[in-house]
């Protein structure tokens, strides 16, 4: 019965989205100033967005399910992004929007929404790739895509890097290149984007959110201390596994070699194989 209900919801969702759109006035993109939380998948962006929304009592949208389910190829073009925002305006009319899939179009977003307050979340590439693999129960050694058993959903698009036009021989290389592409987006717009490193957030969640809110002009409306340790996403089985154990030596070499320049720019050190120390 549950599976049938899910199929029915999926079937009528486009109708619900269309109805919500037509019932919502068009947005004035030149005047609205939403907080945009961007970055690669599995960087802690959901937790940061949720806590920031709680802190300022903001009307937040985290993850645009209509966008994810329809899986369009998002163009990094201001006119395309403007049309996309209007099409999804029922979901994008709030104070805070977190959607990792929009990161590929950051250039266009900043132009289409000139008053937006953008936040960009980054995480060490080794841990970021591990978290994605853990979410999908994928191995930490490079394998051809046909051996992974990917199901053809939105996550396959992310692992293969289709949204970034990535062509790679295995999933480790693809995800390493993906991390580099997202890091380069931040570095290209570092003067406008408010950077949050996941590692800094974990070491001081309250201080990070308070500082970020101050930078964004958000006044504290709620005490977020009771929510600091709430898991906003499912925890992976290998969350506590050392990277040197989870990844093969070849996989770690791929990630470090592909991401070294961007790691240096973001002040990330390589994670060395403990057996080589």
Protein backbone atom coordinates (compact mmCIF):
# COMPACT_ATOMS: atom_id res chain seq x y z
CA UNK A 1 0.00 0.00 0.00
CA UNK A 2 2.88 2.32 0.82
CA UNK A 3 4.47 1.76 -2.60
CA UNK A 4 1.14 2.46 -4.30
CA UNK A 5 0.74 5.66 -2.30
CA UNK A 6 4.23 6.81 -3.32
CA UNK A 7 3.43 6.17 -6.98
CA UNK A 8 0.22 8.18 -6.68
CA UNK A 9 2.05 11.07 -5.03
CA UNK A 10 4.70 11.02 -7.76
CA UNK A 11 1.98 10.99 -10.40
CA UNK A 12 0.06 13.98 -9.04
CA UNK A 13 3.06 16.01 -7.83
CA UNK A 14 3.48 17.85 -11.18
CA UNK A 15 -0.18 18.91 -10.97
CA UNK A 16 0.26 20.13 -7.41
CA UNK A 17 3.41 22.06 -8.38
CA UNK A 18 1.63 23.67 -11.33
CA UNK A 19 -1.35 24.64 -9.16
CA UNK A 20 0.92 26.10 -6.46
CA UNK A 21 2.81 28.09 -9.08
CA UNK A 22 -0.27 29.66 -10.63
CA UNK A 23 -1.61 30.54 -7.19
CA UNK A 24 1.59 32.36 -6.21
CA UNK A 25 2.35 35.89 -7.49
CA UNK A 26 5.46 36.26 -9.63
CA UNK A 27 8.57 37.21 -7.71
CA UNK A 28 10.41 40.48 -8.26
CA UNK A 29 13.87 38.97 -8.61
CA UNK A 30 15.64 42.34 -8.47
CA UNK A 31 14.21 43.17 -5.03
CA UNK A 32 14.04 39.94 -3.03
CA UNK A 33 17.02 39.08 -0.80
CA UNK A 34 16.80 35.41 0.19
CA UNK A 35 19.61 33.58 1.93
CA UNK A 36 20.92 31.00 -0.55
CA UNK A 37 22.75 28.01 0.94
CA UNK A 38 24.84 26.33 -1.75
CA UNK A 39 27.67 23.81 -2.00
CA UNK A 40 28.31 20.21 -2.89
CA UNK A 41 26.04 17.44 -1.65
CA UNK A 42 26.85 15.99 1.81
CA UNK A 43 28.82 18.98 3.07
CA UNK A 44 26.60 19.63 6.08
CA UNK A 45 24.66 22.29 4.20
CA UNK A 46 21.29 20.98 5.43
CA UNK A 47 22.27 21.23 9.10
CA UNK A 48 23.71 24.71 8.61
CA UNK A 49 20.63 25.89 6.73
CA UNK A 50 18.21 24.44 9.28
CA UNK A 51 20.05 25.92 12.26
CA UNK A 52 20.39 29.31 10.59
CA UNK A 53 16.65 29.29 9.85
CA UNK A 54 15.90 28.39 13.48
CA UNK A 55 18.27 31.10 14.73
CA UNK A 56 16.53 33.85 12.79
CA UNK A 57 13.06 32.27 12.70
CA UNK A 58 13.26 32.31 8.91
CA UNK A 59 10.80 30.80 6.47
CA UNK A 60 13.04 28.16 4.92
CA UNK A 61 12.91 25.74 2.01
CA UNK A 62 15.53 23.00 2.19
CA UNK A 63 15.72 20.72 -0.85
CA UNK A 64 13.42 21.45 -3.78
CA UNK A 65 11.84 18.04 -4.30
CA UNK A 66 10.03 19.07 -7.51
CA UNK A 67 13.39 20.14 -8.92
CA UNK A 68 15.11 16.95 -7.81
CA UNK A 69 12.36 14.64 -9.05
CA UNK A 70 12.15 16.26 -12.48
CA UNK A 71 15.97 16.27 -12.75
CA UNK A 72 16.33 19.03 -15.37
CA UNK A 73 19.72 19.98 -16.74
CA UNK A 74 20.25 23.30 -14.96
CA UNK A 75 21.89 25.84 -17.21
CA UNK A 76 24.31 28.39 -15.81
CA UNK A 77 22.42 31.15 -17.60
CA UNK A 78 20.66 34.08 -15.85
CA UNK A 79 17.61 33.95 -18.14
CA UNK A 80 17.21 30.20 -17.61
CA UNK A 81 17.63 30.55 -13.85
CA UNK A 82 15.11 33.41 -13.73
CA UNK A 83 12.54 31.26 -15.52
CA UNK A 84 13.31 28.33 -13.21
CA UNK A 85 12.83 30.48 -10.11
CA UNK A 86 9.49 31.73 -11.37
CA UNK A 87 8.39 28.18 -12.21
CA UNK A 88 9.27 27.10 -8.65
CA UNK A 89 8.26 30.38 -7.00
CA UNK A 90 5.86 28.71 -4.59
CA UNK A 91 8.89 27.05 -2.99
CA UNK A 92 11.34 29.92 -3.48
CA UNK A 93 9.33 32.78 -2.02
CA UNK A 94 10.69 32.36 1.51
CA UNK A 95 13.61 33.81 3.47
CA UNK A 96 16.09 30.96 3.07
CA UNK A 97 16.60 28.47 0.25
CA UNK A 98 18.96 25.51 0.44
CA UNK A 99 19.35 23.42 -2.68
CA UNK A 100 22.66 21.83 -3.66
CA UNK A 101 21.46 21.18 -7.21
CA UNK A 102 21.44 24.95 -7.85
CA UNK A 103 25.16 25.22 -7.07
CA UNK A 104 26.14 24.46 -10.66
CA UNK A 105 24.34 27.68 -11.66
CA UNK A 106 25.83 29.91 -8.95
CA UNK A 107 27.12 32.43 -11.51
CA UNK A 108 23.63 32.84 -12.97
CA UNK A 109 21.94 32.87 -9.55
CA UNK A 110 24.07 35.78 -8.38
CA UNK A 111 23.14 37.72 -11.50
CA UNK A 112 19.44 36.81 -11.48
CA UNK A 113 19.14 37.59 -7.73
CA UNK A 114 21.43 40.60 -7.20
CA UNK A 115 20.31 41.16 -3.60
CA UNK A 116 20.54 37.52 -2.52
CA UNK A 117 22.70 36.67 0.50
CA UNK A 118 24.63 33.58 -0.64
CA UNK A 119 26.27 31.07 1.69
CA UNK A 120 28.69 28.46 0.34
CA UNK A 121 29.48 25.35 2.38
CA UNK A 122 32.65 23.33 1.77
CA UNK A 123 34.07 20.17 3.33
CA UNK A 124 37.41 18.38 3.01
CA UNK A 125 37.22 16.47 -0.29
CA UNK A 126 38.16 13.12 1.22
CA UNK A 127 35.43 13.37 3.84
CA UNK A 128 32.95 14.86 1.38
CA UNK A 129 33.44 12.01 -1.11
CA UNK A 130 33.31 9.45 1.72
CA UNK A 131 30.01 10.86 2.94
CA UNK A 132 28.44 10.63 -0.52
CA UNK A 133 29.65 7.05 -0.95
CA UNK A 134 28.44 6.14 2.53
CA UNK A 135 25.01 7.60 1.77
CA UNK A 136 24.75 5.30 -1.26
CA UNK A 137 26.56 2.26 0.21
CA UNK A 138 29.23 2.51 -2.48
CA UNK A 139 32.81 1.23 -2.07
CA UNK A 140 35.89 3.33 -1.39
CA UNK A 141 37.95 1.89 -4.23
CA UNK A 142 37.61 3.09 -7.84
CA UNK A 143 35.27 0.93 -9.90
CA UNK A 144 33.67 1.36 -13.34
CA UNK A 145 30.15 2.77 -13.11
CA UNK A 146 28.56 -0.37 -14.53
CA UNK A 147 29.75 -2.30 -11.47
CA UNK A 148 28.11 0.04 -8.96
CA UNK A 149 24.47 -0.89 -9.49
CA UNK A 150 23.30 2.72 -9.53
CA UNK A 151 19.55 2.93 -9.82
CA UNK A 152 19.14 5.77 -12.32
CA UNK A 153 17.81 8.25 -9.73
CA UNK A 154 19.12 11.71 -8.92
CA UNK A 155 22.07 10.31 -7.02
CA UNK A 156 23.36 8.53 -10.12
CA UNK A 157 23.43 11.91 -11.88
CA UNK A 158 25.48 13.29 -8.99
CA UNK A 159 27.94 10.37 -8.82
CA UNK A 160 28.49 10.41 -12.57
CA UNK A 161 28.72 14.21 -12.60
CA UNK A 162 26.20 14.65 -15.42
CA UNK A 163 25.13 18.08 -14.13
CA UNK A 164 28.73 19.31 -14.40
CA UNK A 165 29.45 17.58 -17.71
CA UNK A 166 32.07 15.35 -16.07
CA UNK A 167 33.48 12.41 -17.98
CA UNK A 168 35.40 9.99 -15.77
CA UNK A 169 36.40 6.36 -15.81
CA UNK A 170 35.25 5.59 -12.27
CA UNK A 171 33.15 6.98 -9.43
CA UNK A 172 36.08 8.14 -7.27
CA UNK A 173 37.52 10.27 -10.06
CA UNK A 174 34.08 11.65 -10.93
CA UNK A 175 33.35 12.72 -7.35
CA UNK A 176 36.84 14.20 -6.92
CA UNK A 177 36.37 16.28 -10.08
CA UNK A 178 32.92 17.29 -8.82
CA UNK A 179 34.45 18.58 -5.59
CA UNK A 180 36.98 20.59 -7.59
CA UNK A 181 34.27 22.11 -9.77
CA UNK A 182 32.25 23.25 -6.76
CA UNK A 183 35.36 24.60 -5.01
CA UNK A 184 36.24 26.60 -8.11
CA UNK A 185 32.76 28.12 -8.07
CA UNK A 186 33.40 29.45 -4.57
CA UNK A 187 36.88 30.69 -5.44
CA UNK A 188 35.49 32.51 -8.48
CA UNK A 189 32.99 34.41 -6.30
CA UNK A 190 34.81 34.45 -2.95
CA UNK A 191 34.24 38.19 -2.48
CA UNK A 192 30.47 37.74 -2.52
CA UNK A 193 29.91 34.26 -1.11
CA UNK A 194 29.90 33.73 2.66
CA UNK A 195 32.10 30.67 3.18
CA UNK A 196 31.39 28.07 5.86
CA UNK A 197 33.83 25.21 6.27
CA UNK A 198 32.09 22.13 7.63
CA UNK A 199 35.02 21.42 9.95
CA UNK A 200 34.73 24.86 11.56
CA UNK A 201 30.99 24.35 11.96
CA UNK A 202 31.46 20.99 13.71
CA UNK A 203 34.06 22.39 16.11
CA UNK A 204 31.81 25.32 17.14
CA UNK A 205 28.25 25.04 15.84
CA UNK A 206 26.74 27.84 17.88
CA UNK A 207 29.62 30.23 17.19
CA UNK A 208 29.58 29.45 13.47
CA UNK A 209 25.84 30.02 13.10
CA UNK A 210 25.94 33.19 15.22
CA UNK A 211 28.83 34.62 13.19
CA UNK A 212 27.21 33.68 9.89
CA UNK A 213 23.90 35.24 10.94
CA UNK A 214 25.71 38.45 11.86
CA UNK A 215 27.40 38.57 8.44
CA UNK A 216 24.04 38.07 6.73
CA UNK A 217 22.21 40.67 8.82
CA UNK A 218 20.01 38.11 10.57
CA UNK A 219 18.90 38.87 14.11
CA UNK A 220 18.59 36.05 16.63
CA UNK A 221 14.96 35.15 17.31
CA UNK A 222 15.33 31.67 18.85
CA UNK A 223 17.76 29.73 21.04
CA UNK A 224 19.22 27.01 18.83
CA UNK A 225 21.21 25.20 21.51
CA UNK A 226 18.61 22.40 21.87
CA UNK A 227 18.96 21.67 18.13
CA UNK A 228 22.74 21.74 17.72
CA UNK A 229 23.16 17.96 17.78
CA UNK A 230 19.99 17.02 15.89
CA UNK A 231 20.90 14.81 12.88
CA UNK A 232 19.24 16.62 9.98
CA UNK A 233 20.39 13.90 7.56
CA UNK A 234 20.76 10.11 8.07
CA UNK A 235 24.12 9.25 9.57
CA UNK A 236 26.30 6.97 7.45
CA UNK A 237 27.51 3.59 8.70
CA UNK A 238 31.14 4.58 8.03
CA UNK A 239 30.94 8.03 9.57
CA UNK A 240 33.54 7.14 12.22
CA UNK A 241 35.68 4.95 9.94
CA UNK A 242 39.12 6.49 9.28
CA UNK A 243 39.46 7.54 5.64
CA UNK A 244 42.62 5.44 5.37
CA UNK A 245 40.49 2.40 6.21
CA UNK A 246 37.44 3.27 4.10
CA UNK A 247 39.37 4.26 0.96
CA UNK A 248 41.91 2.29 -0.99
CA UNK A 249 45.34 3.89 -1.40
CA UNK A 250 44.57 4.45 -5.08
CA UNK A 251 41.32 6.27 -4.22
CA UNK A 252 43.06 8.61 -1.76
CA UNK A 253 45.73 9.35 -4.37
CA UNK A 254 43.05 10.19 -6.95
CA UNK A 255 41.25 12.59 -4.61
CA UNK A 256 44.42 14.34 -3.43
CA UNK A 257 45.94 14.65 -6.89
CA UNK A 258 42.73 15.91 -8.51
CA UNK A 259 41.88 18.35 -5.71
CA UNK A 260 45.28 19.55 -4.52
CA UNK A 261 45.14 23.09 -5.93
CA UNK A 262 41.65 23.80 -4.58
CA UNK A 263 42.53 22.14 -1.26
CA UNK A 264 45.46 24.52 -0.88
CA UNK A 265 43.24 27.50 -1.67
CA UNK A 266 40.73 26.41 1.00
CA UNK A 267 43.45 25.54 3.55
CA UNK A 268 42.85 21.78 3.55
CA UNK A 269 45.70 19.36 4.27
CA UNK A 270 46.02 15.92 2.64
CA UNK A 271 44.83 12.95 4.66
CA UNK A 272 47.80 10.61 4.55
CA UNK A 273 47.74 6.84 4.62
CA UNK A 274 48.64 6.03 8.24
CA UNK A 275 50.62 2.99 7.09
CA UNK A 276 53.03 5.33 5.29
CA UNK A 277 53.73 7.50 8.33
